[in-house]
PDB file of N, CA and C in Angstrom:
ATOM      1  N   MET A   1      -5.688  28.757 -40.142  1.00  0.00           N
ATOM      2  CA  MET A   1      -5.241  27.486 -40.691  1.00  0.00           C
ATOM      3  C   MET A   1      -6.406  26.499 -40.651  1.00  0.00           C
ATOM      4  N   ASP A   2      -6.659  25.850 -41.792  1.00  0.00           N
ATOM      5  CA  ASP A   2      -7.760  24.891 -41.911  1.00  0.00           C
ATOM      6  C   ASP A   2      -7.254  23.501 -41.550  1.00  0.00           C
ATOM      7  N   LEU A   3      -7.824  22.898 -40.519  1.00  0.00           N
ATOM      8  CA  LEU A   3      -7.422  21.559 -40.083  1.00  0.00           C
ATOM      9  C   LEU A   3      -8.363  20.482 -40.627  1.00  0.00           C
ATOM     10  N   GLY A   4      -9.307  20.856 -41.471  1.00  0.00           N
ATOM     11  CA  GLY A   4     -10.250  19.891 -42.008  1.00  0.00           C
ATOM     12  C   GLY A   4     -11.381  19.583 -41.053  1.00  0.00           C
ATOM     13  N   LEU A   5     -11.535  20.391 -40.010  1.00  0.00           N
ATOM     14  CA  LEU A   5     -12.600  20.175 -39.040  1.00  0.00           C
ATOM     15  C   LEU A   5     -13.824  21.002 -39.430  1.00  0.00           C
ATOM     16  N   PRO A   6     -15.017  20.512 -39.098  1.00  0.00           N
ATOM     17  CA  PRO A   6     -16.213  21.280 -39.429  1.00  0.00           C
ATOM     18  C   PRO A   6     -16.307  22.548 -38.582  1.00  0.00           C
ATOM     19  N   GLU A   7     -16.927  23.555 -39.153  1.00  0.00           N
ATOM     20  CA  GLU A   7     -17.104  24.799 -38.409  1.00  0.00           C
ATOM     21  C   GLU A   7     -18.129  24.632 -37.297  1.00  0.00           C
ATOM     22  N   ASP A   8     -19.103  23.768 -37.497  1.00  0.00           N
ATOM     23  CA  ASP A   8     -20.148  23.521 -36.503  1.00  0.00           C
ATOM     24  C   ASP A   8     -19.606  22.547 -35.449  1.00  0.00           C
ATOM     25  N   TRP A   9     -19.392  23.051 -34.230  1.00  0.00           N
ATOM     26  CA  TRP A   9     -18.821  22.232 -33.171  1.00  0.00           C
ATOM     27  C   TRP A   9     -19.758  21.120 -32.724  1.00  0.00           C
ATOM     28  N   ASP A  10     -21.058  21.272 -32.963  1.00  0.00           N
ATOM     29  CA  ASP A  10     -21.988  20.195 -32.608  1.00  0.00           C
ATOM     30  C   ASP A  10     -21.697  18.940 -33.436  1.00  0.00           C
ATOM     31  N   THR A  11     -21.305  19.132 -34.691  1.00  0.00           N
ATOM     32  CA  THR A  11     -20.946  17.995 -35.539  1.00  0.00           C
ATOM     33  C   THR A  11     -19.709  17.305 -34.986  1.00  0.00           C
ATOM     34  N   LEU A  12     -18.725  18.090 -34.579  1.00  0.00           N
ATOM     35  CA  LEU A  12     -17.507  17.525 -34.021  1.00  0.00           C
ATOM     36  C   LEU A  12     -17.801  16.759 -32.733  1.00  0.00           C
ATOM     37  N   LYS A  13     -18.641  17.317 -31.881  1.00  0.00           N
ATOM     38  CA  LYS A  13     -19.018  16.634 -30.643  1.00  0.00           C
ATOM     39  C   LYS A  13     -19.751  15.334 -30.951  1.00  0.00           C
ATOM     40  N   ALA A  14     -20.586  15.330 -31.992  1.00  0.00           N
ATOM     41  CA  ALA A  14     -21.318  14.123 -32.373  1.00  0.00           C
ATOM     42  C   ALA A  14     -20.351  13.032 -32.843  1.00  0.00           C
ATOM     43  N   TRP A  15     -19.243  13.439 -33.483  1.00  0.00           N
ATOM     44  CA  TRP A  15     -18.244  12.450 -33.901  1.00  0.00           C
ATOM     45  C   TRP A  15     -17.575  11.817 -32.696  1.00  0.00           C
ATOM     46  N   ILE A  16     -17.291  12.638 -31.700  1.00  0.00           N
ATOM     47  CA  ILE A  16     -16.579  12.161 -30.516  1.00  0.00           C
ATOM     48  C   ILE A  16     -17.513  11.364 -29.612  1.00  0.00           C
ATOM     49  N   GLN A  17     -18.750  11.818 -29.489  1.00  0.00           N
ATOM     50  CA  GLN A  17     -19.743  11.154 -28.653  1.00  0.00           C
ATOM     51  C   GLN A  17     -20.895  10.708 -29.554  1.00  0.00           C
ATOM     52  N   PRO A  18     -20.777   9.543 -30.206  1.00  0.00           N
ATOM     53  CA  PRO A  18     -21.773   9.153 -31.194  1.00  0.00           C
ATOM     54  C   PRO A  18     -23.168   8.915 -30.629  1.00  0.00           C
ATOM     55  N   SER A  19     -23.298   8.830 -29.314  1.00  0.00           N
ATOM     56  CA  SER A  19     -24.634   8.612 -28.762  1.00  0.00           C
ATOM     57  C   SER A  19     -25.450   9.902 -28.722  1.00  0.00           C
ATOM     58  N   SER A  20     -24.830  11.018 -29.089  1.00  0.00           N
ATOM     59  CA  SER A  20     -25.572  12.278 -29.083  1.00  0.00           C
ATOM     60  C   SER A  20     -26.519  12.344 -30.281  1.00  0.00           C
ATOM     61  N   GLN A  21     -27.228  13.383 -30.415  1.00  0.00           N
ATOM     62  CA  GLN A  21     -28.305  13.580 -31.393  1.00  0.00           C
ATOM     63  C   GLN A  21     -27.929  13.140 -32.811  1.00  0.00           C
ATOM     64  N   GLY A  22     -28.795  12.323 -33.413  1.00  0.00           N
ATOM     65  CA  GLY A  22     -28.631  11.932 -34.803  1.00  0.00           C
ATOM     66  C   GLY A  22     -27.768  10.707 -35.032  1.00  0.00           C
ATOM     67  N   TYR A  23     -27.169  10.175 -33.996  1.00  0.00           N
ATOM     68  CA  TYR A  23     -26.305   9.017 -34.151  1.00  0.00           C
ATOM     69  C   TYR A  23     -26.788   7.906 -33.238  1.00  0.00           C
ATOM     70  N   THR A  24     -26.546   6.675 -33.662  1.00  0.00           N
ATOM     71  CA  THR A  24     -26.904   5.547 -32.807  1.00  0.00           C
ATOM     72  C   THR A  24     -25.662   4.714 -32.564  1.00  0.00           C
ATOM     73  N   THR A  25     -25.626   4.065 -31.431  1.00  0.00           N
ATOM     74  CA  THR A  25     -24.519   3.165 -31.120  1.00  0.00           C
ATOM     75  C   THR A  25     -25.024   1.740 -31.230  1.00  0.00           C
ATOM     76  N   SER A  26     -24.124   0.787 -31.101  1.00  0.00           N
ATOM     77  CA  SER A  26     -24.522  -0.607 -31.216  1.00  0.00           C
ATOM     78  C   SER A  26     -25.495  -0.999 -30.112  1.00  0.00           C
ATOM     79  N   GLN A  27     -25.448  -0.300 -28.967  1.00  0.00           N
ATOM     80  CA  GLN A  27     -26.384  -0.600 -27.888  1.00  0.00           C
ATOM     81  C   GLN A  27     -27.831  -0.331 -28.328  1.00  0.00           C
ATOM     82  N   HIS A  28     -28.018   0.709 -29.135  1.00  0.00           N
ATOM     83  CA  HIS A  28     -29.362   1.049 -29.590  1.00  0.00           C
ATOM     84  C   HIS A  28     -29.856   0.097 -30.673  1.00  0.00           C
ATOM     85  N   LEU A  29     -28.931  -0.625 -31.298  1.00  0.00           N
ATOM     86  CA  LEU A  29     -29.315  -1.507 -32.397  1.00  0.00           C
ATOM     87  C   LEU A  29     -29.556  -2.944 -31.958  1.00  0.00           C
ATOM     88  N   GLU A  30     -29.312  -3.250 -30.699  1.00  0.00           N
ATOM     89  CA  GLU A  30     -29.528  -4.621 -30.238  1.00  0.00           C
ATOM     90  C   GLU A  30     -30.981  -5.013 -30.453  1.00  0.00           C
ATOM     91  N   GLY A  31     -31.170  -6.220 -30.913  1.00  0.00           N
ATOM     92  CA  GLY A  31     -32.524  -6.697 -31.175  1.00  0.00           C
ATOM     93  C   GLY A  31     -32.942  -6.444 -32.618  1.00  0.00           C
ATOM     94  N   GLU A  32     -32.362  -5.431 -33.265  1.00  0.00           N
ATOM     95  CA  GLU A  32     -32.675  -5.169 -34.670  1.00  0.00           C
ATOM     96  C   GLU A  32     -31.678  -5.937 -35.521  1.00  0.00           C
ATOM     97  N   ARG A  33     -32.162  -6.661 -36.498  1.00  0.00           N
ATOM     98  CA  ARG A  33     -31.275  -7.422 -37.371  1.00  0.00           C
ATOM     99  C   ARG A  33     -31.529  -7.054 -38.807  1.00  0.00           C
ATOM    100  N   LYS A  34     -30.464  -6.879 -39.522  1.00  0.00           N
ATOM    101  CA  LYS A  34     -30.548  -6.614 -40.948  1.00  0.00           C
ATOM    102  C   LYS A  34     -30.932  -7.920 -41.646  1.00  0.00           C
ATOM    103  N   GLN A  35     -31.749  -7.813 -42.686  1.00  0.00           N
ATOM    104  CA  GLN A  35     -32.126  -9.000 -43.440  1.00  0.00           C
ATOM    105  C   GLN A  35     -30.883  -9.523 -44.161  1.00  0.00           C
ATOM    106  N   LEU A  36     -30.638 -10.809 -44.038  1.00  0.00           N
ATOM    107  CA  LEU A  36     -29.456 -11.404 -44.651  1.00  0.00           C
ATOM    108  C   LEU A  36     -29.612 -11.477 -46.158  1.00  0.00           C
ATOM    109  N   SER A  37     -28.567 -11.103 -46.885  1.00  0.00           N
ATOM    110  CA  SER A  37     -28.648 -11.158 -48.337  1.00  0.00           C
ATOM    111  C   SER A  37     -28.449 -12.575 -48.857  1.00  0.00           C
ATOM    112  N   HIS A  38     -27.805 -13.438 -48.073  1.00  0.00           N
ATOM    113  CA  HIS A  38     -27.614 -14.841 -48.455  1.00  0.00           C
ATOM    114  C   HIS A  38     -27.940 -15.727 -47.250  1.00  0.00           C
ATOM    115  N   PRO A  39     -29.221 -15.933 -46.979  1.00  0.00           N
ATOM    116  CA  PRO A  39     -29.584 -16.703 -45.784  1.00  0.00           C
ATOM    117  C   PRO A  39     -29.151 -18.165 -45.842  1.00  0.00           C
ATOM    118  N   GLU A  40     -28.803 -18.666 -47.030  1.00  0.00           N
ATOM    119  CA  GLU A  40     -28.369 -20.060 -47.136  1.00  0.00           C
ATOM    120  C   GLU A  40     -26.979 -20.283 -46.543  1.00  0.00           C
ATOM    121  N   ILE A  41     -26.232 -19.200 -46.313  1.00  0.00           N
ATOM    122  CA  ILE A  41     -24.910 -19.320 -45.702  1.00  0.00           C
ATOM    123  C   ILE A  41     -25.084 -19.315 -44.190  1.00  0.00           C
ATOM    124  N   LEU A  42     -24.552 -20.346 -43.551  1.00  0.00           N
ATOM    125  CA  LEU A  42     -24.695 -20.487 -42.100  1.00  0.00           C
ATOM    126  C   LEU A  42     -23.994 -19.359 -41.355  1.00  0.00           C
ATOM    127  N   LEU A  43     -24.569 -18.943 -40.253  1.00  0.00           N
ATOM    128  CA  LEU A  43     -23.914 -17.983 -39.361  1.00  0.00           C
ATOM    129  C   LEU A  43     -23.127 -18.769 -38.333  1.00  0.00           C
ATOM    130  N   LEU A  44     -21.897 -18.364 -38.106  1.00  0.00           N
ATOM    131  CA  LEU A  44     -21.056 -19.043 -37.131  1.00  0.00           C
ATOM    132  C   LEU A  44     -21.061 -18.264 -35.819  1.00  0.00           C
ATOM    133  N   ALA A  45     -20.995 -18.983 -34.743  1.00  0.00           N
ATOM    134  CA  ALA A  45     -20.932 -18.330 -33.439  1.00  0.00           C
ATOM    135  C   ALA A  45     -19.582 -17.651 -33.240  1.00  0.00           C
ATOM    136  N   ASP A  46     -18.535 -18.211 -33.866  1.00  0.00           N
ATOM    137  CA  ASP A  46     -17.183 -17.681 -33.701  1.00  0.00           C
ATOM    138  C   ASP A  46     -16.454 -17.785 -35.029  1.00  0.00           C
ATOM    139  N   TYR A  47     -15.937 -16.663 -35.542  1.00  0.00           N
ATOM    140  CA  TYR A  47     -15.248 -16.631 -36.831  1.00  0.00           C
ATOM    141  C   TYR A  47     -13.722 -16.643 -36.681  1.00  0.00           C
ATOM    142  N   SER A  48     -13.232 -16.876 -35.480  1.00  0.00           N
ATOM    143  CA  SER A  48     -11.788 -16.825 -35.273  1.00  0.00           C
ATOM    144  C   SER A  48     -11.098 -18.142 -35.602  1.00  0.00           C
ATOM    145  N   GLY A  49     -11.840 -19.247 -35.687  1.00  0.00           N
ATOM    146  CA  GLY A  49     -11.227 -20.545 -35.968  1.00  0.00           C
ATOM    147  C   GLY A  49     -11.655 -21.088 -37.316  1.00  0.00           C
ATOM    148  N   LEU A  50     -11.455 -22.373 -37.497  1.00  0.00           N
ATOM    149  CA  LEU A  50     -11.842 -23.030 -38.736  1.00  0.00           C
ATOM    150  C   LEU A  50     -13.355 -23.263 -38.764  1.00  0.00           C
ATOM    151  N   ALA A  51     -13.941 -23.057 -39.922  1.00  0.00           N
ATOM    152  CA  ALA A  51     -15.379 -23.292 -40.079  1.00  0.00           C
ATOM    153  C   ALA A  51     -15.613 -24.764 -40.406  1.00  0.00           C
ATOM    154  N   PRO A  52     -16.763 -25.313 -39.987  1.00  0.00           N
ATOM    155  CA  PRO A  52     -17.053 -26.714 -40.313  1.00  0.00           C
ATOM    156  C   PRO A  52     -17.327 -26.882 -41.809  1.00  0.00           C
ATOM    157  N   LYS A  53     -17.254 -28.121 -42.294  1.00  0.00           N
ATOM    158  CA  LYS A  53     -17.461 -28.402 -43.716  1.00  0.00           C
ATOM    159  C   LYS A  53     -18.850 -27.961 -44.180  1.00  0.00           C
ATOM    160  N   GLU A  54     -19.853 -28.042 -43.317  1.00  0.00           N
ATOM    161  CA  GLU A  54     -21.211 -27.644 -43.691  1.00  0.00           C
ATOM    162  C   GLU A  54     -21.265 -26.169 -44.080  1.00  0.00           C
ATOM    163  N   PHE A  55     -20.435 -25.349 -43.452  1.00  0.00           N
ATOM    164  CA  PHE A  55     -20.398 -23.923 -43.750  1.00  0.00           C
ATOM    165  C   PHE A  55     -19.978 -23.698 -45.201  1.00  0.00           C
ATOM    166  N   TRP A  56     -18.960 -24.414 -45.653  1.00  0.00           N
ATOM    167  CA  TRP A  56     -18.412 -24.215 -46.992  1.00  0.00           C
ATOM    168  C   TRP A  56     -19.274 -24.838 -48.080  1.00  0.00           C
ATOM    169  N   ALA A  57     -20.193 -25.717 -47.731  1.00  0.00           N
ATOM    170  CA  ALA A  57     -21.030 -26.396 -48.729  1.00  0.00           C
ATOM    171  C   ALA A  57     -21.908 -25.422 -49.506  1.00  0.00           C
ATOM    172  N   ALA A  58     -22.247 -24.271 -48.932  1.00  0.00           N
ATOM    173  CA  ALA A  58     -23.128 -23.297 -49.601  1.00  0.00           C
ATOM    174  C   ALA A  58     -22.387 -22.458 -50.639  1.00  0.00           C
ATOM    175  N   PHE A  59     -21.057 -22.468 -50.608  1.00  0.00           N
ATOM    176  CA  PHE A  59     -20.278 -21.652 -51.538  1.00  0.00           C
ATOM    177  C   PHE A  59     -20.026 -22.417 -52.836  1.00  0.00           C
ATOM    178  N   PRO A  60     -19.987 -21.709 -53.968  1.00  0.00           N
ATOM    179  CA  PRO A  60     -19.703 -22.409 -55.232  1.00  0.00           C
ATOM    180  C   PRO A  60     -18.280 -22.966 -55.231  1.00  0.00           C
ATOM    181  N   SER A  61     -18.105 -24.081 -55.905  1.00  0.00           N
ATOM    182  CA  SER A  61     -16.811 -24.729 -55.958  1.00  0.00           C
ATOM    183  C   SER A  61     -16.487 -25.087 -57.403  1.00  0.00           C
ATOM    184  N   TYR A  62     -15.295 -24.771 -57.819  1.00  0.00           N
ATOM    185  CA  TYR A  62     -14.836 -25.085 -59.164  1.00  0.00           C
ATOM    186  C   TYR A  62     -13.506 -25.826 -59.042  1.00  0.00           C
ATOM    187  N   PRO A  63     -13.547 -27.155 -58.968  1.00  0.00           N
ATOM    188  CA  PRO A  63     -12.301 -27.900 -58.783  1.00  0.00           C
ATOM    189  C   PRO A  63     -11.377 -27.764 -59.980  1.00  0.00           C
ATOM    190  N   LEU A  64     -10.107 -27.905 -59.714  1.00  0.00           N
ATOM    191  CA  LEU A  64      -9.112 -27.825 -60.775  1.00  0.00           C
ATOM    192  C   LEU A  64      -9.221 -29.045 -61.681  1.00  0.00           C
ATOM    193  N   PRO A  65      -8.958 -28.874 -62.980  1.00  0.00           N
ATOM    194  CA  PRO A  65      -9.000 -30.033 -63.878  1.00  0.00           C
ATOM    195  C   PRO A  65      -7.868 -31.003 -63.557  1.00  0.00           C
ATOM    196  N   ALA A  66      -8.062 -32.262 -63.907  1.00  0.00           N
ATOM    197  CA  ALA A  66      -7.047 -33.287 -63.636  1.00  0.00           C
ATOM    198  C   ALA A  66      -5.780 -33.038 -64.452  1.00  0.00           C
ATOM    199  N   GLY A  67      -5.917 -32.478 -65.628  1.00  0.00           N
ATOM    200  CA  GLY A  67      -4.767 -32.203 -66.481  1.00  0.00           C
ATOM    201  C   GLY A  67      -4.975 -30.902 -67.222  1.00  0.00           C
ATOM    202  N   PRO A  68      -3.973 -30.486 -67.981  1.00  0.00           N
ATOM    203  CA  PRO A  68      -4.099 -29.230 -68.725  1.00  0.00           C
ATOM    204  C   PRO A  68      -5.128 -29.346 -69.849  1.00  0.00           C
ATOM    205  N   THR A  69      -5.854 -28.275 -70.070  1.00  0.00           N
ATOM    206  CA  THR A  69      -6.797 -28.220 -71.189  1.00  0.00           C
ATOM    207  C   THR A  69      -6.445 -27.010 -72.036  1.00  0.00           C
ATOM    208  N   THR A  70      -6.537 -27.161 -73.338  1.00  0.00           N
ATOM    209  CA  THR A  70      -6.208 -26.060 -74.230  1.00  0.00           C
ATOM    210  C   THR A  70      -6.982 -26.209 -75.531  1.00  0.00           C
ATOM    211  N   SER A  71      -7.243 -25.101 -76.171  1.00  0.00           N
ATOM    212  CA  SER A  71      -7.877 -25.130 -77.488  1.00  0.00           C
ATOM    213  C   SER A  71      -6.820 -25.150 -78.597  1.00  0.00           C
ATOM    214  N   VAL A  72      -5.544 -25.088 -78.210  1.00  0.00           N
ATOM    215  CA  VAL A  72      -4.441 -25.108 -79.177  1.00  0.00           C
ATOM    216  C   VAL A  72      -4.207 -26.553 -79.622  1.00  0.00           C
ATOM    217  N   ARG A  73      -4.071 -26.743 -80.907  1.00  0.00           N
ATOM    218  CA  ARG A  73      -3.736 -28.066 -81.439  1.00  0.00           C
ATOM    219  C   ARG A  73      -2.221 -28.219 -81.308  1.00  0.00           C
ATOM    220  N   VAL A  74      -1.801 -28.838 -80.204  1.00  0.00           N
ATOM    221  CA  VAL A  74      -0.382 -28.912 -79.851  1.00  0.00           C
ATOM    222  C   VAL A  74       0.406 -29.660 -80.923  1.00  0.00           C
ATOM    223  N   ASP A  75      -0.145 -30.735 -81.479  1.00  0.00           N
ATOM    224  CA  ASP A  75       0.572 -31.475 -82.514  1.00  0.00           C
ATOM    225  C   ASP A  75       0.847 -30.597 -83.733  1.00  0.00           C
ATOM    226  N   ARG A  76      -0.121 -29.780 -84.116  1.00  0.00           N
ATOM    227  CA  ARG A  76       0.048 -28.870 -85.255  1.00  0.00           C
ATOM    228  C   ARG A  76       1.069 -27.773 -84.932  1.00  0.00           C
ATOM    229  N   LEU A  77       1.048 -27.283 -83.692  1.00  0.00           N
ATOM    230  CA  LEU A  77       2.010 -26.269 -83.271  1.00  0.00           C
ATOM    231  C   LEU A  77       3.429 -26.825 -83.316  1.00  0.00           C
ATOM    232  N   LYS A  78       3.609 -28.085 -82.902  1.00  0.00           N
ATOM    233  CA  LYS A  78       4.935 -28.711 -82.959  1.00  0.00           C
ATOM    234  C   LYS A  78       5.458 -28.750 -84.394  1.00  0.00           C
ATOM    235  N   ILE A  79       4.576 -29.086 -85.323  1.00  0.00           N
ATOM    236  CA  ILE A  79       4.972 -29.136 -86.739  1.00  0.00           C
ATOM    237  C   ILE A  79       5.417 -27.757 -87.221  1.00  0.00           C
ATOM    238  N   LEU A  80       4.649 -26.729 -86.858  1.00  0.00           N
ATOM    239  CA  LEU A  80       4.992 -25.366 -87.282  1.00  0.00           C
ATOM    240  C   LEU A  80       6.307 -24.897 -86.674  1.00  0.00           C
ATOM    241  N   ILE A  81       6.536 -25.263 -85.415  1.00  0.00           N
ATOM    242  CA  ILE A  81       7.791 -24.873 -84.757  1.00  0.00           C
ATOM    243  C   ILE A  81       8.966 -25.569 -85.420  1.00  0.00           C
ATOM    244  N   ARG A  82       8.813 -26.861 -85.751  1.00  0.00           N
ATOM    245  CA  ARG A  82       9.894 -27.578 -86.436  1.00  0.00           C
ATOM    246  C   ARG A  82      10.190 -26.963 -87.804  1.00  0.00           C
ATOM    247  N   ARG A  83       9.111 -26.579 -88.498  1.00  0.00           N
ATOM    248  CA  ARG A  83       9.273 -26.036 -89.849  1.00  0.00           C
ATOM    249  C   ARG A  83       9.948 -24.662 -89.832  1.00  0.00           C
ATOM    250  N   PHE A  84       9.488 -23.761 -88.956  1.00  0.00           N
ATOM    251  CA  PHE A  84       9.967 -22.375 -88.988  1.00  0.00           C
ATOM    252  C   PHE A  84      10.989 -22.043 -87.907  1.00  0.00           C
ATOM    253  N   GLY A  85      11.169 -22.936 -86.945  1.00  0.00           N
ATOM    254  CA  GLY A  85      12.074 -22.671 -85.828  1.00  0.00           C
ATOM    255  C   GLY A  85      13.528 -22.572 -86.220  1.00  0.00           C
ATOM    256  N   THR A  86      13.879 -23.109 -87.381  1.00  0.00           N
ATOM    257  CA  THR A  86      15.286 -23.044 -87.814  1.00  0.00           C
ATOM    258  C   THR A  86      15.714 -21.605 -88.090  1.00  0.00           C
ATOM    259  N   ASN A  87      14.747 -20.739 -88.356  1.00  0.00           N
ATOM    260  CA  ASN A  87      15.059 -19.325 -88.635  1.00  0.00           C
ATOM    261  C   ASN A  87      15.052 -18.467 -87.365  1.00  0.00           C
ATOM    262  N   TRP A  88      14.698 -19.044 -86.233  1.00  0.00           N
ATOM    263  CA  TRP A  88      14.564 -18.282 -84.990  1.00  0.00           C
ATOM    264  C   TRP A  88      15.861 -18.300 -84.196  1.00  0.00           C
ATOM    265  N   SER A  89      15.962 -17.336 -83.294  1.00  0.00           N
ATOM    266  CA  SER A  89      17.110 -17.300 -82.384  1.00  0.00           C
ATOM    267  C   SER A  89      16.949 -18.399 -81.329  1.00  0.00           C
ATOM    268  N   GLY A  90      18.022 -18.644 -80.608  1.00  0.00           N
ATOM    269  CA  GLY A  90      17.974 -19.647 -79.542  1.00  0.00           C
ATOM    270  C   GLY A  90      16.926 -19.320 -78.485  1.00  0.00           C
ATOM    271  N   ALA A  91      16.799 -18.038 -78.154  1.00  0.00           N
ATOM    272  CA  ALA A  91      15.824 -17.630 -77.137  1.00  0.00           C
ATOM    273  C   ALA A  91      14.399 -17.927 -77.604  1.00  0.00           C
ATOM    274  N   LYS A  92      14.115 -17.649 -78.871  1.00  0.00           N
ATOM    275  CA  LYS A  92      12.773 -17.895 -79.393  1.00  0.00           C
ATOM    276  C   LYS A  92      12.482 -19.396 -79.439  1.00  0.00           C
ATOM    277  N   ASN A  93      13.478 -20.210 -79.753  1.00  0.00           N
ATOM    278  CA  ASN A  93      13.295 -21.660 -79.750  1.00  0.00           C
ATOM    279  C   ASN A  93      13.024 -22.183 -78.338  1.00  0.00           C
ATOM    280  N   ARG A  94      13.716 -21.635 -77.340  1.00  0.00           N
ATOM    281  CA  ARG A  94      13.464 -22.041 -75.947  1.00  0.00           C
ATOM    282  C   ARG A  94      12.049 -21.676 -75.524  1.00  0.00           C
ATOM    283  N   VAL A  95      11.605 -20.488 -75.909  1.00  0.00           N
ATOM    284  CA  VAL A  95      10.237 -20.069 -75.589  1.00  0.00           C
ATOM    285  C   VAL A  95       9.229 -21.006 -76.255  1.00  0.00           C
ATOM    286  N   ALA A  96       9.479 -21.375 -77.509  1.00  0.00           N
ATOM    287  CA  ALA A  96       8.572 -22.273 -78.231  1.00  0.00           C
ATOM    288  C   ALA A  96       8.526 -23.643 -77.561  1.00  0.00           C
ATOM    289  N   ARG A  97       9.695 -24.185 -77.171  1.00  0.00           N
ATOM    290  CA  ARG A  97       9.725 -25.493 -76.491  1.00  0.00           C
ATOM    291  C   ARG A  97       8.998 -25.425 -75.147  1.00  0.00           C
ATOM    292  N   ARG A  98       9.195 -24.316 -74.423  1.00  0.00           N
ATOM    293  CA  ARG A  98       8.507 -24.157 -73.129  1.00  0.00           C
ATOM    294  C   ARG A  98       6.994 -24.059 -73.339  1.00  0.00           C
ATOM    295  N   ALA A  99       6.566 -23.390 -74.406  1.00  0.00           N
ATOM    296  CA  ALA A  99       5.134 -23.285 -74.693  1.00  0.00           C
ATOM    297  C   ALA A  99       4.542 -24.661 -74.977  1.00  0.00           C
ATOM    298  N   ILE A 100       5.251 -25.475 -75.757  1.00  0.00           N
ATOM    299  CA  ILE A 100       4.793 -26.838 -76.049  1.00  0.00           C
ATOM    300  C   ILE A 100       4.697 -27.642 -74.757  1.00  0.00           C
ATOM    301  N   LYS A 101       5.713 -27.534 -73.912  1.00  0.00           N
ATOM    302  CA  LYS A 101       5.714 -28.265 -72.633  1.00  0.00           C
ATOM    303  C   LYS A 101       4.558 -27.822 -71.747  1.00  0.00           C
ATOM    304  N   ASN A 102       4.336 -26.513 -71.640  1.00  0.00           N
ATOM    305  CA  ASN A 102       3.247 -26.000 -70.809  1.00  0.00           C
ATOM    306  C   ASN A 102       1.881 -26.410 -71.337  1.00  0.00           C
ATOM    307  N   LEU A 103       1.723 -26.409 -72.646  1.00  0.00           N
ATOM    308  CA  LEU A 103       0.452 -26.808 -73.240  1.00  0.00           C
ATOM    309  C   LEU A 103       0.210 -28.303 -73.090  1.00  0.00           C
ATOM    310  N   SER A 104       1.279 -29.095 -73.102  1.00  0.00           N
ATOM    311  CA  SER A 104       1.146 -30.545 -73.012  1.00  0.00           C
ATOM    312  C   SER A 104       1.014 -31.038 -71.568  1.00  0.00           C
ATOM    313  N   ARG A 105       1.845 -30.492 -70.677  1.00  0.00           N
ATOM    314  CA  ARG A 105       1.898 -30.995 -69.295  1.00  0.00           C
ATOM    315  C   ARG A 105       1.311 -30.045 -68.263  1.00  0.00           C
ATOM    316  N   GLY A 106       1.033 -28.813 -68.675  1.00  0.00           N
ATOM    317  CA  GLY A 106       0.571 -27.802 -67.719  1.00  0.00           C
ATOM    318  C   GLY A 106       1.715 -26.908 -67.313  1.00  0.00           C
ATOM    319  N   GLY A 107       1.409 -25.657 -67.037  1.00  0.00           N
ATOM    320  CA  GLY A 107       2.446 -24.693 -66.663  1.00  0.00           C
ATOM    321  C   GLY A 107       2.889 -24.869 -65.236  1.00  0.00           C
ATOM    322  N   GLU A 108       4.104 -24.416 -64.961  1.00  0.00           N
ATOM    323  CA  GLU A 108       4.627 -24.460 -63.591  1.00  0.00           C
ATOM    324  C   GLU A 108       3.997 -23.342 -62.784  1.00  0.00           C
ATOM    325  N   THR A 109       3.511 -23.672 -61.604  1.00  0.00           N
ATOM    326  CA  THR A 109       2.882 -22.673 -60.745  1.00  0.00           C
ATOM    327  C   THR A 109       3.815 -22.150 -59.670  1.00  0.00           C
ATOM    328  N   GLY A 110       4.942 -22.827 -59.490  1.00  0.00           N
ATOM    329  CA  GLY A 110       5.875 -22.403 -58.444  1.00  0.00           C
ATOM    330  C   GLY A 110       5.487 -22.911 -57.075  1.00  0.00           C
ATOM    331  N   VAL A 111       4.478 -23.764 -57.035  1.00  0.00           N
ATOM    332  CA  VAL A 111       4.041 -24.310 -55.743  1.00  0.00           C
ATOM    333  C   VAL A 111       4.732 -25.622 -55.471  1.00  0.00           C
TER     334      VAL A 111
END
């Protein structure tokens, strides 16, 4: 029966005891530091709590717009809905009115 274990028991022992041949533990790596890929980001002494504002200053920020923005010409869409909406079902008219409301005032986020 194959249990997914290697046939070479030395490999298995190396997994269990990583300090054996070919493996290093964190004790052997002390003093060696990997070059930081983003040195502009501050290192914190403790990551379990809230970071100071200076920490977040290095990250990009994209604030939300003050109001809804759209490339749809809402006034023109209203005209088209009034013109052709008489042929639509009640459900389609509700969807059209909700679309106008979302485009004009912004969509509901549920928050």
